[in-house]
Every structure is written in structure tokens, then in C-alpha cells.
Amino acid sequence: MEDSHLVELLWTTFAAFLTFATFSFLYKDNPFYKFAEHLVVGVGAGYFVVLLVLTSLKPKLWDPLLAGQWWYIIPGLLGVLMWMRFSKKVSWLSRYPIAFYIGTSGVAIPLYMYNSINRQISSTLDLSVGFGSLTAFWGIIIVIGVLTGLMYFFFSKEHKGAFGGLAKIGIYVLMLGFGASFGYTVMARISLFVQRIAFLESWGRMIGNFFS
């Protein structure tokens, strides 16, 4: 039991060391920060390679081939040809899977139009609720904000008069959006920082309990 506590303490101490190494960049760039940075990048890349093998390559290519679905060898060969980019002599072979991939991406255009444009427009102009309600009021505000924001990016007409006034309102709408987005990003980073401080506090308690 003591050995398991020691192993847990060692791994937690290593995690605390990496936390301090990352925070050391606040002073200046140094070898400790570079070590933590490279370790995170390397471990992350290795993790995603294993994840892709287990969630894509094995169930979507290897298992069907073992089940006798031999036609799956065609996308497998296209994937292998993609690696020919690393060879100067046969790099031209990689153009076939790239062309096939770009060509089949056209299938996703209707889906992209529906999800990113049609549904966005229908959600923006959704005034189906009864007028006089608070929901309808905010729906009208959203429509006005979207239209004035689009007017700001309409450069074929000079921003003067009533059109210029509406475009100016669009600037305020955009600034509200950017400000809210930036504030959310700052809050997320502060939340991560608080979590790391809480982790360091629990690590200190773990050391105290181990040696007490």
C-alpha cells in the first residue's frame, strides 16, 4: 500500500514540476519551459495517433478487410498513396488520393449550406413566437444586429446618411460580440489557472500527509 502511495506521489510531483516549468515562461524563455512544451506536443501527437488507429484505421479499414469486405482495400490504397508525398521520385502518386478527396468534398457542400447558412438564417429570423413576449423582443434585436452588422461589411455603398448610421450600429454590434468572445476566453484561461493552483495545493497536502 505504501508503494502505491509513493508511486502516486512521484507522478503527482512530476505533474507539479511540469506546471512550475510552464509557469516559468512568465519570467522568460528557459530550458524547463521548452522541456514541458516539447513533452506536451510529443505526448499529444502520440495520443492522437493511437486514437486515430483505434477509432478509424482498425474499425473502418482493418476489421472490414478481415471480415471479407475486400473492396475496403481501395480506400486503404488511396491512404497509402497519400504517403508518397515523402518521396521525391513517386510524389506524383499522391495527387490521385488528393484529387479524389477534393472531389468527394463536393458531396458535403449541400450539408454545409444547410447547417451553416440555411439553419443560421432560419434561427436568426425565427419570430414565430407571439409578439409582445420577451423572446420576440430579443429575436427582433438579433435580427437588427445581424442586418446592421452585414451593412457594415457592404462596401459597395458609401457609409453616409441613414445607411452610414445603420452601419455604425453594426460596428457596435460587432464590438459587443468581440468583447463577449474575448471575455469568455479570458474567463476560460482564468478557470484553467485556478484549477492548476488548486492542483498545486492538493499536491502540497499530499506531500504533507505522506511524510507525516
C-alpha atoms as a PDB file:
ATOM      1  CA  MET A   1       0.000   0.000   0.000  1.00  0.00           C
ATOM      2  CA  GLU A   2       2.879   2.314   0.818  1.00  0.00           C
ATOM      3  CA  ASP A   3       4.440   1.643  -2.577  1.00  0.00           C
ATOM      4  CA  SER A   4       1.240   2.653  -4.397  1.00  0.00           C
ATOM      5  CA  HIS A   5       1.117   5.916  -2.423  1.00  0.00           C
ATOM      6  CA  LEU A   6       4.764   6.567  -3.291  1.00  0.00           C
ATOM      7  CA  VAL A   7       4.155   5.973  -7.000  1.00  0.00           C
ATOM      8  CA  GLU A   8       1.140   8.285  -6.935  1.00  0.00           C
ATOM      9  CA  LEU A   9       3.185  10.935  -5.127  1.00  0.00           C
ATOM     10  CA  LEU A  10       6.012  10.670  -7.674  1.00  0.00           C
ATOM     11  CA  TRP A  11       3.671  11.069 -10.645  1.00  0.00           C
ATOM     12  CA  THR A  12       1.853  13.959  -8.978  1.00  0.00           C
ATOM     13  CA  THR A  13       5.193  15.592  -8.177  1.00  0.00           C
ATOM     14  CA  PHE A  14       6.208  15.243 -11.821  1.00  0.00           C
ATOM     15  CA  ALA A  15       2.929  16.892 -12.861  1.00  0.00           C
ATOM     16  CA  ALA A  16       3.605  19.712 -10.386  1.00  0.00           C
ATOM     17  CA  PHE A  17       7.108  20.108 -11.837  1.00  0.00           C
ATOM     18  CA  LEU A  18       5.628  20.452 -15.331  1.00  0.00           C
ATOM     19  CA  THR A  19       3.183  23.041 -14.003  1.00  0.00           C
ATOM     20  CA  PHE A  20       6.016  25.094 -12.499  1.00  0.00           C
ATOM     21  CA  ALA A  21       8.048  24.629 -15.688  1.00  0.00           C
ATOM     22  CA  THR A  22       5.175  26.048 -17.742  1.00  0.00           C
ATOM     23  CA  PHE A  23       4.690  28.962 -15.356  1.00  0.00           C
ATOM     24  CA  SER A  24       8.420  29.721 -15.589  1.00  0.00           C
ATOM     25  CA  PHE A  25       7.780  31.244 -19.029  1.00  0.00           C
ATOM     26  CA  LEU A  26       6.251  34.203 -17.172  1.00  0.00           C
ATOM     27  CA  TYR A  27       9.820  35.104 -16.218  1.00  0.00           C
ATOM     28  CA  LYS A  28      11.491  34.325 -19.528  1.00  0.00           C
ATOM     29  CA  ASP A  29      12.019  31.530 -22.032  1.00  0.00           C
ATOM     30  CA  ASN A  30      14.121  28.779 -20.455  1.00  0.00           C
ATOM     31  CA  PRO A  31      15.035  25.086 -20.850  1.00  0.00           C
ATOM     32  CA  PHE A  32      12.420  23.976 -18.290  1.00  0.00           C
ATOM     33  CA  TYR A  33       9.624  25.573 -20.285  1.00  0.00           C
ATOM     34  CA  LYS A  34      10.975  24.122 -23.539  1.00  0.00           C
ATOM     35  CA  PHE A  35      11.044  20.653 -21.951  1.00  0.00           C
ATOM     36  CA  ALA A  36       7.410  20.943 -20.804  1.00  0.00           C
ATOM     37  CA  GLU A  37       6.335  22.353 -24.162  1.00  0.00           C
ATOM     38  CA  HIS A  38       8.018  19.621 -26.190  1.00  0.00           C
ATOM     39  CA  LEU A  39       6.714  16.936 -23.846  1.00  0.00           C
ATOM     40  CA  VAL A  40       3.124  18.152 -24.231  1.00  0.00           C
ATOM     41  CA  VAL A  41       3.405  18.333 -28.017  1.00  0.00           C
ATOM     42  CA  GLY A  42       5.029  14.903 -28.262  1.00  0.00           C
ATOM     43  CA  VAL A  43       2.619  13.183 -25.899  1.00  0.00           C
ATOM     44  CA  GLY A  44      -0.352  14.871 -27.567  1.00  0.00           C
ATOM     45  CA  ALA A  45       0.772  13.786 -31.045  1.00  0.00           C
ATOM     46  CA  GLY A  46       1.371  10.222 -29.879  1.00  0.00           C
ATOM     47  CA  TYR A  47      -2.003  10.096 -28.150  1.00  0.00           C
ATOM     48  CA  PHE A  48      -3.884  11.245 -31.246  1.00  0.00           C
ATOM     49  CA  VAL A  49      -2.016   8.753 -33.447  1.00  0.00           C
ATOM     50  CA  VAL A  50      -3.100   5.886 -31.184  1.00  0.00           C
ATOM     51  CA  LEU A  51      -6.615   7.354 -31.002  1.00  0.00           C
ATOM     52  CA  LEU A  52      -6.895   7.524 -34.799  1.00  0.00           C
ATOM     53  CA  VAL A  53      -5.618   3.961 -35.159  1.00  0.00           C
ATOM     54  CA  LEU A  54      -8.130   2.610 -32.644  1.00  0.00           C
ATOM     55  CA  THR A  55     -11.127   4.700 -33.755  1.00  0.00           C
ATOM     56  CA  SER A  56     -10.569   4.968 -37.525  1.00  0.00           C
ATOM     57  CA  LEU A  57      -7.963   2.636 -39.024  1.00  0.00           C
ATOM     58  CA  LYS A  58      -8.906  -0.523 -37.134  1.00  0.00           C
ATOM     59  CA  PRO A  59     -12.733  -0.383 -37.149  1.00  0.00           C
ATOM     60  CA  LYS A  60     -13.107   1.292 -40.552  1.00  0.00           C
ATOM     61  CA  LEU A  61     -10.398  -0.499 -42.564  1.00  0.00           C
ATOM     62  CA  TRP A  62      -8.713  -3.414 -40.815  1.00  0.00           C
ATOM     63  CA  ASP A  63     -11.805  -5.070 -39.323  1.00  0.00           C
ATOM     64  CA  PRO A  64     -13.862  -4.895 -42.574  1.00  0.00           C
ATOM     65  CA  LEU A  65     -10.943  -6.420 -44.507  1.00  0.00           C
ATOM     66  CA  LEU A  66     -10.729  -9.285 -42.019  1.00  0.00           C
ATOM     67  CA  ALA A  67     -14.498  -9.744 -42.374  1.00  0.00           C
ATOM     68  CA  GLY A  68     -14.074 -10.335 -46.115  1.00  0.00           C
ATOM     69  CA  GLN A  69     -15.127  -6.914 -47.365  1.00  0.00           C
ATOM     70  CA  TRP A  70     -12.202  -6.770 -49.789  1.00  0.00           C
ATOM     71  CA  TRP A  71     -13.383  -3.570 -51.511  1.00  0.00           C
ATOM     72  CA  TYR A  72     -12.166  -1.646 -48.462  1.00  0.00           C
ATOM     73  CA  ILE A  73      -8.674  -2.140 -49.865  1.00  0.00           C
ATOM     74  CA  ILE A  74      -9.385   0.689 -52.330  1.00  0.00           C
ATOM     75  CA  PRO A  75      -9.533   3.486 -49.706  1.00  0.00           C
ATOM     76  CA  GLY A  76      -6.638   1.738 -47.966  1.00  0.00           C
ATOM     77  CA  LEU A  77      -4.502   2.001 -51.099  1.00  0.00           C
ATOM     78  CA  LEU A  78      -5.528   5.642 -51.541  1.00  0.00           C
ATOM     79  CA  GLY A  79      -4.366   6.310 -47.996  1.00  0.00           C
ATOM     80  CA  VAL A  80      -1.030   4.606 -48.706  1.00  0.00           C
ATOM     81  CA  LEU A  81      -0.588   6.685 -51.855  1.00  0.00           C
ATOM     82  CA  MET A  82      -1.005   9.813 -49.747  1.00  0.00           C
ATOM     83  CA  TRP A  83       2.268   8.924 -48.006  1.00  0.00           C
ATOM     84  CA  MET A  84       4.098   9.052 -51.349  1.00  0.00           C
ATOM     85  CA  ARG A  85       4.436  12.798 -50.752  1.00  0.00           C
ATOM     86  CA  PHE A  86       7.557  11.991 -48.734  1.00  0.00           C
ATOM     87  CA  SER A  87       9.319  10.575 -51.808  1.00  0.00           C
ATOM     88  CA  LYS A  88      10.633  12.908 -54.494  1.00  0.00           C
ATOM     89  CA  LYS A  89      10.540  10.189 -57.161  1.00  0.00           C
ATOM     90  CA  VAL A  90       6.955   9.000 -56.716  1.00  0.00           C
ATOM     91  CA  SER A  91       5.390  12.037 -55.039  1.00  0.00           C
ATOM     92  CA  TRP A  92       3.166  12.442 -58.114  1.00  0.00           C
ATOM     93  CA  LEU A  93       1.183   9.383 -56.991  1.00  0.00           C
ATOM     94  CA  SER A  94      -0.180  11.351 -54.048  1.00  0.00           C
ATOM     95  CA  ARG A  95      -2.082  13.590 -56.447  1.00  0.00           C
ATOM     96  CA  TYR A  96      -4.665  10.857 -57.080  1.00  0.00           C
ATOM     97  CA  PRO A  97      -5.917  10.495 -53.484  1.00  0.00           C
ATOM     98  CA  ILE A  98      -5.742  14.278 -53.036  1.00  0.00           C
ATOM     99  CA  ALA A  99      -7.840  14.807 -56.182  1.00  0.00           C
ATOM    100  CA  PHE A 100     -10.271  12.119 -55.039  1.00  0.00           C
ATOM    101  CA  TYR A 101     -10.557  13.728 -51.606  1.00  0.00           C
ATOM    102  CA  ILE A 102     -11.138  17.218 -53.003  1.00  0.00           C
ATOM    103  CA  GLY A 103     -13.672  15.861 -55.493  1.00  0.00           C
ATOM    104  CA  THR A 104     -15.707  13.989 -52.879  1.00  0.00           C
ATOM    105  CA  SER A 105     -15.717  17.057 -50.649  1.00  0.00           C
ATOM    106  CA  GLY A 106     -18.329  18.439 -53.037  1.00  0.00           C
ATOM    107  CA  VAL A 107     -20.792  15.981 -51.503  1.00  0.00           C
ATOM    108  CA  ALA A 108     -20.528  17.930 -48.242  1.00  0.00           C
ATOM    109  CA  ILE A 109     -21.455  21.269 -49.853  1.00  0.00           C
ATOM    110  CA  PRO A 110     -25.259  20.808 -49.549  1.00  0.00           C
ATOM    111  CA  LEU A 111     -24.852  19.661 -45.942  1.00  0.00           C
ATOM    112  CA  TYR A 112     -22.598  22.614 -45.197  1.00  0.00           C
ATOM    113  CA  MET A 113     -25.067  25.004 -46.816  1.00  0.00           C
ATOM    114  CA  TYR A 114     -27.910  23.590 -44.755  1.00  0.00           C
ATOM    115  CA  ASN A 115     -26.104  23.594 -41.397  1.00  0.00           C
ATOM    116  CA  SER A 116     -24.030  26.753 -41.701  1.00  0.00           C
ATOM    117  CA  ILE A 117     -26.254  29.005 -43.814  1.00  0.00           C
ATOM    118  CA  ASN A 118     -29.869  27.852 -44.054  1.00  0.00           C
ATOM    119  CA  ARG A 119     -30.253  26.897 -40.407  1.00  0.00           C
ATOM    120  CA  GLN A 120     -28.402  30.015 -39.286  1.00  0.00           C
ATOM    121  CA  ILE A 121     -30.740  32.210 -41.325  1.00  0.00           C
ATOM    122  CA  SER A 122     -33.853  30.404 -40.101  1.00  0.00           C
ATOM    123  CA  SER A 123     -32.677  30.660 -36.484  1.00  0.00           C
ATOM    124  CA  THR A 124     -31.908  34.359 -36.876  1.00  0.00           C
ATOM    125  CA  LEU A 125     -35.311  35.131 -38.409  1.00  0.00           C
ATOM    126  CA  ASP A 126     -37.285  32.902 -36.060  1.00  0.00           C
ATOM    127  CA  LEU A 127     -40.049  35.235 -34.939  1.00  0.00           C
ATOM    128  CA  SER A 128     -42.683  32.522 -34.687  1.00  0.00           C
ATOM    129  CA  VAL A 129     -43.309  33.285 -31.014  1.00  0.00           C
ATOM    130  CA  GLY A 130     -46.081  35.700 -30.180  1.00  0.00           C
ATOM    131  CA  PHE A 131     -45.248  39.399 -30.349  1.00  0.00           C
ATOM    132  CA  GLY A 132     -45.203  41.155 -27.038  1.00  0.00           C
ATOM    133  CA  SER A 133     -43.190  38.428 -25.349  1.00  0.00           C
ATOM    134  CA  LEU A 134     -39.620  38.911 -24.161  1.00  0.00           C
ATOM    135  CA  THR A 135     -38.426  36.173 -26.514  1.00  0.00           C
ATOM    136  CA  ALA A 136     -39.847  38.010 -29.534  1.00  0.00           C
ATOM    137  CA  PHE A 137     -38.209  41.229 -28.354  1.00  0.00           C
ATOM    138  CA  TRP A 138     -34.753  39.644 -28.221  1.00  0.00           C
ATOM    139  CA  GLY A 139     -35.446  37.967 -31.555  1.00  0.00           C
ATOM    140  CA  ILE A 140     -36.028  41.375 -33.128  1.00  0.00           C
ATOM    141  CA  ILE A 141     -32.821  42.690 -31.511  1.00  0.00           C
ATOM    142  CA  ILE A 142     -30.887  39.765 -33.012  1.00  0.00           C
ATOM    143  CA  VAL A 143     -32.337  40.427 -36.476  1.00  0.00           C
ATOM    144  CA  ILE A 144     -31.433  44.126 -36.239  1.00  0.00           C
ATOM    145  CA  GLY A 145     -27.929  43.246 -35.022  1.00  0.00           C
ATOM    146  CA  VAL A 146     -27.353  40.786 -37.876  1.00  0.00           C
ATOM    147  CA  LEU A 147     -28.628  43.163 -40.553  1.00  0.00           C
ATOM    148  CA  THR A 148     -26.667  46.184 -39.291  1.00  0.00           C
ATOM    149  CA  GLY A 149     -23.537  44.021 -38.923  1.00  0.00           C
ATOM    150  CA  LEU A 150     -23.895  42.929 -42.547  1.00  0.00           C
ATOM    151  CA  MET A 151     -24.418  46.554 -43.605  1.00  0.00           C
ATOM    152  CA  TYR A 152     -21.034  47.456 -42.147  1.00  0.00           C
ATOM    153  CA  PHE A 153     -19.366  44.956 -44.494  1.00  0.00           C
ATOM    154  CA  PHE A 154     -21.286  46.268 -47.521  1.00  0.00           C
ATOM    155  CA  PHE A 155     -18.598  48.440 -49.109  1.00  0.00           C
ATOM    156  CA  SER A 156     -20.267  48.971 -52.495  1.00  0.00           C
ATOM    157  CA  LYS A 157     -22.234  51.864 -50.984  1.00  0.00           C
ATOM    158  CA  GLU A 158     -20.660  54.764 -49.165  1.00  0.00           C
ATOM    159  CA  HIS A 159     -21.410  54.777 -45.456  1.00  0.00           C
ATOM    160  CA  LYS A 160     -23.300  58.066 -45.293  1.00  0.00           C
ATOM    161  CA  GLY A 161     -26.722  59.158 -44.190  1.00  0.00           C
ATOM    162  CA  ALA A 162     -29.162  56.572 -42.854  1.00  0.00           C
ATOM    163  CA  PHE A 163     -27.106  53.722 -44.284  1.00  0.00           C
ATOM    164  CA  GLY A 164     -23.996  55.022 -42.534  1.00  0.00           C
ATOM    165  CA  GLY A 165     -25.899  55.279 -39.253  1.00  0.00           C
ATOM    166  CA  LEU A 166     -27.071  51.678 -39.519  1.00  0.00           C
ATOM    167  CA  ALA A 167     -23.526  50.578 -40.409  1.00  0.00           C
ATOM    168  CA  LYS A 168     -22.278  52.380 -37.295  1.00  0.00           C
ATOM    169  CA  ILE A 169     -24.771  50.428 -35.209  1.00  0.00           C
ATOM    170  CA  GLY A 170     -23.325  47.325 -36.859  1.00  0.00           C
ATOM    171  CA  ILE A 171     -19.874  48.339 -35.576  1.00  0.00           C
ATOM    172  CA  TYR A 172     -21.230  48.460 -32.023  1.00  0.00           C
ATOM    173  CA  VAL A 173     -22.824  45.043 -32.513  1.00  0.00           C
ATOM    174  CA  LEU A 174     -19.537  43.604 -33.744  1.00  0.00           C
ATOM    175  CA  MET A 175     -17.638  45.143 -30.842  1.00  0.00           C
ATOM    176  CA  LEU A 176     -20.137  43.641 -28.387  1.00  0.00           C
ATOM    177  CA  GLY A 177     -19.624  40.249 -29.991  1.00  0.00           C
ATOM    178  CA  PHE A 178     -15.834  40.526 -29.987  1.00  0.00           C
ATOM    179  CA  GLY A 179     -15.828  41.791 -26.405  1.00  0.00           C
ATOM    180  CA  ALA A 180     -18.045  38.959 -25.187  1.00  0.00           C
ATOM    181  CA  SER A 181     -15.901  36.412 -27.019  1.00  0.00           C
ATOM    182  CA  PHE A 182     -12.690  37.853 -25.575  1.00  0.00           C
ATOM    183  CA  GLY A 183     -14.193  37.971 -22.093  1.00  0.00           C
ATOM    184  CA  TYR A 184     -15.237  34.330 -22.380  1.00  0.00           C
ATOM    185  CA  THR A 185     -11.704  33.407 -23.472  1.00  0.00           C
ATOM    186  CA  VAL A 186     -10.184  35.260 -20.505  1.00  0.00           C
ATOM    187  CA  MET A 187     -12.620  33.580 -18.115  1.00  0.00           C
ATOM    188  CA  ALA A 188     -11.716  30.163 -19.544  1.00  0.00           C
ATOM    189  CA  ARG A 189      -7.989  30.850 -19.089  1.00  0.00           C
ATOM    190  CA  ILE A 190      -8.515  32.088 -15.538  1.00  0.00           C
ATOM    191  CA  SER A 191     -10.520  28.949 -14.810  1.00  0.00           C
ATOM    192  CA  LEU A 192      -7.601  26.828 -16.025  1.00  0.00           C
ATOM    193  CA  PHE A 193      -5.202  28.846 -13.878  1.00  0.00           C
ATOM    194  CA  VAL A 194      -7.394  28.366 -10.795  1.00  0.00           C
ATOM    195  CA  GLN A 195      -7.504  24.632 -11.475  1.00  0.00           C
ATOM    196  CA  ARG A 196      -3.707  24.435 -11.609  1.00  0.00           C
ATOM    197  CA  ILE A 197      -3.390  26.390  -8.358  1.00  0.00           C
ATOM    198  CA  ALA A 198      -5.884  24.021  -6.741  1.00  0.00           C
ATOM    199  CA  PHE A 199      -3.838  21.101  -8.057  1.00  0.00           C
ATOM    200  CA  LEU A 200      -0.633  22.513  -6.571  1.00  0.00           C
ATOM    201  CA  GLU A 201      -2.436  22.976  -3.259  1.00  0.00           C
ATOM    202  CA  SER A 202      -3.608  19.348  -3.256  1.00  0.00           C
ATOM    203  CA  TRP A 203      -0.060  18.265  -4.185  1.00  0.00           C
ATOM    204  CA  GLY A 204       1.286  20.139  -1.156  1.00  0.00           C
ATOM    205  CA  ARG A 205      -1.252  18.412   1.081  1.00  0.00           C
ATOM    206  CA  MET A 206      -0.301  15.059  -0.406  1.00  0.00           C
ATOM    207  CA  ILE A 207       3.356  15.641   0.433  1.00  0.00           C
ATOM    208  CA  GLY A 208       2.457  16.703   3.951  1.00  0.00           C
ATOM    209  CA  ASN A 209       0.284  13.617   4.511  1.00  0.00           C
ATOM    210  CA  PHE A 210       2.943  11.292   3.101  1.00  0.00           C
ATOM    211  CA  PHE A 211       5.712  12.477   5.393  1.00  0.00           C
ATOM    212  CA  SER A 212       3.518  12.948   8.466  1.00  0.00           C
END
